[in-house]
Amino acid sequence: MNLEMKLRGYVGLAAKAGRIASGEETIVRAVRNGKAKRLLLDKDAGPNTRDRLERLARHYGLPLTYMIDLGGAIGHASRMAAALTDEGLNRAMESAINENRGGVLEE
């Protein structure tokens, strides 16, 4: 199984468990409250969304992961950004990314 499929699986599980914050205000609130463990950004996100999320990740020291069809993975087709709020799934994603270091999805 390739990295993209693993990440989509983890994000799908998180969405089903209610551990995904999507929508700009909800993401910012999760980050400010310390609940966000990782930010997720669709590779096709527009430049403004990309800039805002990259700045947010840098400012709060959060990992930022780029994905293909993020909205499809979380069940909201129009979403281009999300925050993962589950520490266990964040560790699982980090482990998968580290196993596949050199991939194109991680900043």
N, C-alpha and C. Protein backbone atom coordinates (compact mmCIF):
# COMPACT_ATOMS: atom_id res chain seq x y z
N MET A 1 0.85 -1.18 0.00
CA MET A 1 0.00 0.00 0.00
C MET A 1 0.89 1.23 0.00
N ASN A 2 0.59 2.17 -0.89
CA ASN A 2 1.44 3.36 -0.96
C ASN A 2 1.06 4.37 0.13
N LEU A 3 1.91 5.35 0.28
CA LEU A 3 1.74 6.34 1.35
C LEU A 3 0.41 7.08 1.24
N GLU A 4 0.06 7.51 0.04
CA GLU A 4 -1.19 8.27 -0.14
C GLU A 4 -2.39 7.46 0.34
N MET A 5 -2.43 6.18 0.03
CA MET A 5 -3.55 5.33 0.45
C MET A 5 -3.58 5.17 1.97
N LYS A 6 -2.41 5.01 2.59
CA LYS A 6 -2.36 4.91 4.05
C LYS A 6 -2.88 6.18 4.70
N LEU A 7 -2.41 7.33 4.21
CA LEU A 7 -2.84 8.61 4.78
C LEU A 7 -4.35 8.81 4.60
N ARG A 8 -4.87 8.46 3.43
CA ARG A 8 -6.31 8.58 3.19
C ARG A 8 -7.08 7.69 4.17
N GLY A 9 -6.55 6.50 4.44
CA GLY A 9 -7.19 5.60 5.40
C GLY A 9 -7.24 6.20 6.79
N TYR A 10 -6.11 6.75 7.24
CA TYR A 10 -6.06 7.37 8.57
C TYR A 10 -7.00 8.57 8.65
N VAL A 11 -7.01 9.39 7.60
CA VAL A 11 -7.87 10.57 7.60
C VAL A 11 -9.33 10.15 7.57
N GLY A 12 -9.66 9.12 6.81
CA GLY A 12 -11.03 8.61 6.79
C GLY A 12 -11.48 8.11 8.15
N LEU A 13 -10.59 7.38 8.83
CA LEU A 13 -10.91 6.91 10.19
C LEU A 13 -11.14 8.09 11.12
N ALA A 14 -10.27 9.08 11.02
CA ALA A 14 -10.40 10.26 11.88
C ALA A 14 -11.72 10.97 11.62
N ALA A 15 -12.10 11.08 10.36
CA ALA A 15 -13.36 11.75 10.01
C ALA A 15 -14.55 10.99 10.59
N LYS A 16 -14.53 9.67 10.46
CA LYS A 16 -15.63 8.85 10.99
C LYS A 16 -15.71 8.95 12.51
N ALA A 17 -14.56 9.14 13.16
CA ALA A 17 -14.51 9.24 14.62
C ALA A 17 -14.78 10.65 15.11
N GLY A 18 -14.98 11.59 14.19
CA GLY A 18 -15.22 12.98 14.58
C GLY A 18 -13.96 13.69 15.05
N ARG A 19 -12.81 13.25 14.55
CA ARG A 19 -11.52 13.82 14.96
C ARG A 19 -10.89 14.67 13.87
N ILE A 20 -11.72 15.24 13.01
CA ILE A 20 -11.27 16.14 11.96
C ILE A 20 -12.02 17.46 12.10
N ALA A 21 -11.29 18.55 12.07
CA ALA A 21 -11.90 19.88 12.03
C ALA A 21 -11.71 20.40 10.62
N SER A 22 -12.80 20.80 9.97
CA SER A 22 -12.68 21.35 8.62
C SER A 22 -13.46 22.65 8.55
N GLY A 23 -13.08 23.47 7.63
CA GLY A 23 -13.62 24.82 7.56
C GLY A 23 -12.66 25.76 8.28
N GLU A 24 -12.41 26.89 7.68
CA GLU A 24 -11.35 27.78 8.18
C GLU A 24 -11.51 28.16 9.65
N GLU A 25 -12.69 28.60 10.05
CA GLU A 25 -12.88 29.01 11.44
C GLU A 25 -12.69 27.86 12.41
N THR A 26 -13.19 26.69 12.05
CA THR A 26 -13.07 25.52 12.91
C THR A 26 -11.61 25.08 13.04
N ILE A 27 -10.88 25.15 11.94
CA ILE A 27 -9.46 24.79 11.97
C ILE A 27 -8.69 25.75 12.88
N VAL A 28 -8.90 27.03 12.69
CA VAL A 28 -8.20 28.04 13.51
C VAL A 28 -8.53 27.86 14.98
N ARG A 29 -9.80 27.59 15.29
CA ARG A 29 -10.20 27.37 16.69
C ARG A 29 -9.50 26.13 17.27
N ALA A 30 -9.44 25.04 16.49
CA ALA A 30 -8.77 23.82 16.95
C ALA A 30 -7.29 24.07 17.19
N VAL A 31 -6.67 24.85 16.32
CA VAL A 31 -5.24 25.16 16.48
C VAL A 31 -5.03 26.01 17.73
N ARG A 32 -5.79 27.06 17.88
CA ARG A 32 -5.63 27.98 19.02
C ARG A 32 -5.92 27.30 20.35
N ASN A 33 -6.85 26.35 20.36
CA ASN A 33 -7.19 25.62 21.58
C ASN A 33 -6.24 24.48 21.88
N GLY A 34 -5.26 24.26 21.00
CA GLY A 34 -4.29 23.20 21.22
C GLY A 34 -4.81 21.81 20.88
N LYS A 35 -5.94 21.72 20.22
CA LYS A 35 -6.50 20.42 19.88
C LYS A 35 -5.95 19.87 18.57
N ALA A 36 -5.53 20.72 17.66
CA ALA A 36 -5.01 20.28 16.37
C ALA A 36 -3.63 19.65 16.54
N LYS A 37 -3.45 18.49 15.97
CA LYS A 37 -2.17 17.78 16.04
C LYS A 37 -1.43 17.84 14.72
N ARG A 38 -2.16 18.02 13.62
CA ARG A 38 -1.58 18.06 12.28
C ARG A 38 -2.56 18.80 11.38
N LEU A 39 -2.03 19.61 10.48
CA LEU A 39 -2.87 20.28 9.50
C LEU A 39 -2.77 19.52 8.18
N LEU A 40 -3.87 19.47 7.47
CA LEU A 40 -3.96 18.75 6.20
C LEU A 40 -4.39 19.74 5.13
N LEU A 41 -3.75 19.66 3.98
CA LEU A 41 -4.04 20.59 2.89
C LEU A 41 -4.12 19.83 1.58
N ASP A 42 -5.18 20.08 0.83
CA ASP A 42 -5.31 19.47 -0.49
C ASP A 42 -4.27 20.08 -1.42
N LYS A 43 -3.66 19.22 -2.24
CA LYS A 43 -2.62 19.70 -3.16
C LYS A 43 -3.17 20.69 -4.17
N ASP A 44 -4.48 20.69 -4.41
CA ASP A 44 -5.09 21.59 -5.38
C ASP A 44 -5.67 22.85 -4.72
N ALA A 45 -5.36 23.07 -3.47
CA ALA A 45 -5.87 24.26 -2.77
C ALA A 45 -5.34 25.53 -3.44
N GLY A 46 -6.14 26.56 -3.41
CA GLY A 46 -5.75 27.83 -4.00
C GLY A 46 -4.62 28.48 -3.21
N PRO A 47 -3.97 29.46 -3.82
CA PRO A 47 -2.81 30.10 -3.17
C PRO A 47 -3.14 30.78 -1.85
N ASN A 48 -4.32 31.38 -1.71
CA ASN A 48 -4.66 32.03 -0.45
C ASN A 48 -4.83 31.01 0.67
N THR A 49 -5.54 29.93 0.39
CA THR A 49 -5.73 28.87 1.38
C THR A 49 -4.40 28.26 1.76
N ARG A 50 -3.58 27.98 0.76
CA ARG A 50 -2.25 27.40 0.99
C ARG A 50 -1.41 28.32 1.87
N ASP A 51 -1.38 29.61 1.55
CA ASP A 51 -0.59 30.56 2.34
C ASP A 51 -1.06 30.63 3.78
N ARG A 52 -2.40 30.73 3.98
CA ARG A 52 -2.95 30.81 5.34
C ARG A 52 -2.59 29.58 6.16
N LEU A 53 -2.76 28.39 5.58
CA LEU A 53 -2.50 27.17 6.33
C LEU A 53 -1.01 26.98 6.59
N GLU A 54 -0.17 27.32 5.63
CA GLU A 54 1.28 27.20 5.83
C GLU A 54 1.74 28.15 6.94
N ARG A 55 1.21 29.37 6.95
CA ARG A 55 1.57 30.32 8.02
C ARG A 55 1.09 29.82 9.38
N LEU A 56 -0.13 29.30 9.43
CA LEU A 56 -0.69 28.77 10.67
C LEU A 56 0.16 27.62 11.19
N ALA A 57 0.55 26.71 10.32
CA ALA A 57 1.38 25.57 10.71
C ALA A 57 2.73 26.04 11.25
N ARG A 58 3.36 26.97 10.56
CA ARG A 58 4.66 27.48 11.01
C ARG A 58 4.54 28.19 12.36
N HIS A 59 3.53 29.03 12.50
CA HIS A 59 3.37 29.81 13.72
C HIS A 59 3.15 28.93 14.95
N TYR A 60 2.36 27.88 14.79
CA TYR A 60 2.04 27.01 15.92
C TYR A 60 2.89 25.74 15.97
N GLY A 61 3.83 25.61 15.05
CA GLY A 61 4.74 24.46 15.06
C GLY A 61 4.05 23.13 14.78
N LEU A 62 3.05 23.14 13.92
CA LEU A 62 2.32 21.93 13.59
C LEU A 62 2.81 21.34 12.27
N PRO A 63 2.81 20.01 12.16
CA PRO A 63 3.15 19.41 10.87
C PRO A 63 2.04 19.69 9.86
N LEU A 64 2.42 19.86 8.62
CA LEU A 64 1.48 20.12 7.53
C LEU A 64 1.67 19.04 6.49
N THR A 65 0.60 18.34 6.16
CA THR A 65 0.66 17.26 5.19
C THR A 65 -0.22 17.60 4.01
N TYR A 66 0.35 17.47 2.81
CA TYR A 66 -0.38 17.71 1.57
C TYR A 66 -0.96 16.40 1.08
N MET A 67 -2.22 16.44 0.65
CA MET A 67 -2.90 15.23 0.19
C MET A 67 -3.64 15.50 -1.12
N ILE A 68 -3.91 14.42 -1.83
CA ILE A 68 -4.72 14.48 -3.04
C ILE A 68 -6.16 14.18 -2.63
N ASP A 69 -7.11 15.02 -3.06
CA ASP A 69 -8.54 14.85 -2.78
C ASP A 69 -8.82 14.71 -1.28
N LEU A 70 -8.36 15.66 -0.52
CA LEU A 70 -8.60 15.67 0.92
C LEU A 70 -10.09 15.66 1.23
N GLY A 71 -10.86 16.46 0.50
CA GLY A 71 -12.30 16.53 0.74
C GLY A 71 -12.98 15.17 0.59
N GLY A 72 -12.57 14.40 -0.39
CA GLY A 72 -13.12 13.07 -0.58
C GLY A 72 -12.79 12.15 0.58
N ALA A 73 -11.59 12.30 1.11
CA ALA A 73 -11.15 11.45 2.23
C ALA A 73 -11.93 11.74 3.51
N ILE A 74 -12.35 13.00 3.70
CA ILE A 74 -13.07 13.34 4.93
C ILE A 74 -14.59 13.36 4.74
N GLY A 75 -15.03 13.13 3.50
CA GLY A 75 -16.46 13.07 3.25
C GLY A 75 -17.12 14.42 2.99
N HIS A 76 -16.32 15.44 2.72
CA HIS A 76 -16.81 16.77 2.36
C HIS A 76 -16.06 17.21 1.12
N ALA A 77 -16.61 16.92 -0.04
CA ALA A 77 -15.90 17.08 -1.31
C ALA A 77 -15.30 18.47 -1.53
N SER A 78 -15.91 19.50 -1.00
CA SER A 78 -15.43 20.85 -1.29
C SER A 78 -14.33 21.33 -0.34
N ARG A 79 -14.00 20.57 0.68
CA ARG A 79 -13.01 21.01 1.66
C ARG A 79 -11.59 20.86 1.13
N MET A 80 -10.80 21.90 1.33
CA MET A 80 -9.42 21.89 0.88
C MET A 80 -8.43 21.88 2.03
N ALA A 81 -8.91 22.04 3.25
CA ALA A 81 -8.04 22.06 4.41
C ALA A 81 -8.76 21.46 5.60
N ALA A 82 -7.97 20.88 6.50
CA ALA A 82 -8.54 20.27 7.70
C ALA A 82 -7.47 20.19 8.78
N ALA A 83 -7.91 19.94 9.99
CA ALA A 83 -7.00 19.73 11.11
C ALA A 83 -7.33 18.38 11.74
N LEU A 84 -6.31 17.58 11.97
CA LEU A 84 -6.46 16.29 12.64
C LEU A 84 -6.34 16.55 14.14
N THR A 85 -7.30 16.05 14.93
CA THR A 85 -7.29 16.33 16.36
C THR A 85 -7.04 15.09 17.21
N ASP A 86 -6.71 13.97 16.61
CA ASP A 86 -6.47 12.73 17.34
C ASP A 86 -4.97 12.43 17.39
N GLU A 87 -4.40 12.36 18.60
CA GLU A 87 -2.96 12.15 18.74
C GLU A 87 -2.52 10.77 18.24
N GLY A 88 -3.32 9.74 18.49
CA GLY A 88 -2.96 8.40 18.05
C GLY A 88 -2.87 8.30 16.53
N LEU A 89 -3.85 8.85 15.83
CA LEU A 89 -3.81 8.84 14.38
C LEU A 89 -2.72 9.75 13.85
N ASN A 90 -2.43 10.82 14.55
CA ASN A 90 -1.31 11.67 14.16
C ASN A 90 0.01 10.90 14.23
N ARG A 91 0.20 10.14 15.30
CA ARG A 91 1.43 9.33 15.42
C ARG A 91 1.49 8.27 14.32
N ALA A 92 0.35 7.66 14.00
CA ALA A 92 0.32 6.65 12.93
C ALA A 92 0.68 7.28 11.59
N MET A 93 0.17 8.48 11.33
CA MET A 93 0.50 9.17 10.08
C MET A 93 1.98 9.54 10.05
N GLU A 94 2.49 10.03 11.17
CA GLU A 94 3.91 10.39 11.25
C GLU A 94 4.79 9.18 10.98
N SER A 95 4.41 8.04 11.53
CA SER A 95 5.17 6.81 11.33
C SER A 95 5.15 6.40 9.86
N ALA A 96 3.99 6.46 9.23
CA ALA A 96 3.88 6.11 7.81
C ALA A 96 4.71 7.05 6.94
N ILE A 97 4.68 8.34 7.27
CA ILE A 97 5.46 9.33 6.51
C ILE A 97 6.95 9.07 6.68
N ASN A 98 7.37 8.78 7.92
CA ASN A 98 8.79 8.52 8.16
C ASN A 98 9.28 7.26 7.47
N GLU A 99 8.42 6.24 7.39
CA GLU A 99 8.79 5.01 6.67
C GLU A 99 8.99 5.28 5.20
N ASN A 100 8.29 6.26 4.68
CA ASN A 100 8.33 6.57 3.26
C ASN A 100 9.05 7.90 3.00
N ARG A 101 9.97 8.26 3.85
CA ARG A 101 10.68 9.55 3.74
C ARG A 101 11.20 9.74 2.32
N GLY A 102 11.07 10.92 1.86
CA GLY A 102 11.45 11.22 0.48
C GLY A 102 10.22 11.31 -0.41
N GLY A 103 9.04 11.03 0.15
CA GLY A 103 7.80 11.16 -0.62
C GLY A 103 7.49 12.63 -0.85
N VAL A 104 6.50 12.89 -1.64
CA VAL A 104 6.19 14.27 -2.02
C VAL A 104 5.10 14.89 -1.16
N LEU A 105 4.57 14.16 -0.20
CA LEU A 105 3.42 14.67 0.53
C LEU A 105 3.77 15.49 1.74
N GLU A 106 4.92 15.32 2.30
CA GLU A 106 5.28 16.00 3.54
C GLU A 106 6.13 17.21 3.23
N GLU A 107 5.94 18.25 3.99
CA GLU A 107 6.69 19.49 3.81
C GLU A 107 8.16 19.26 4.14
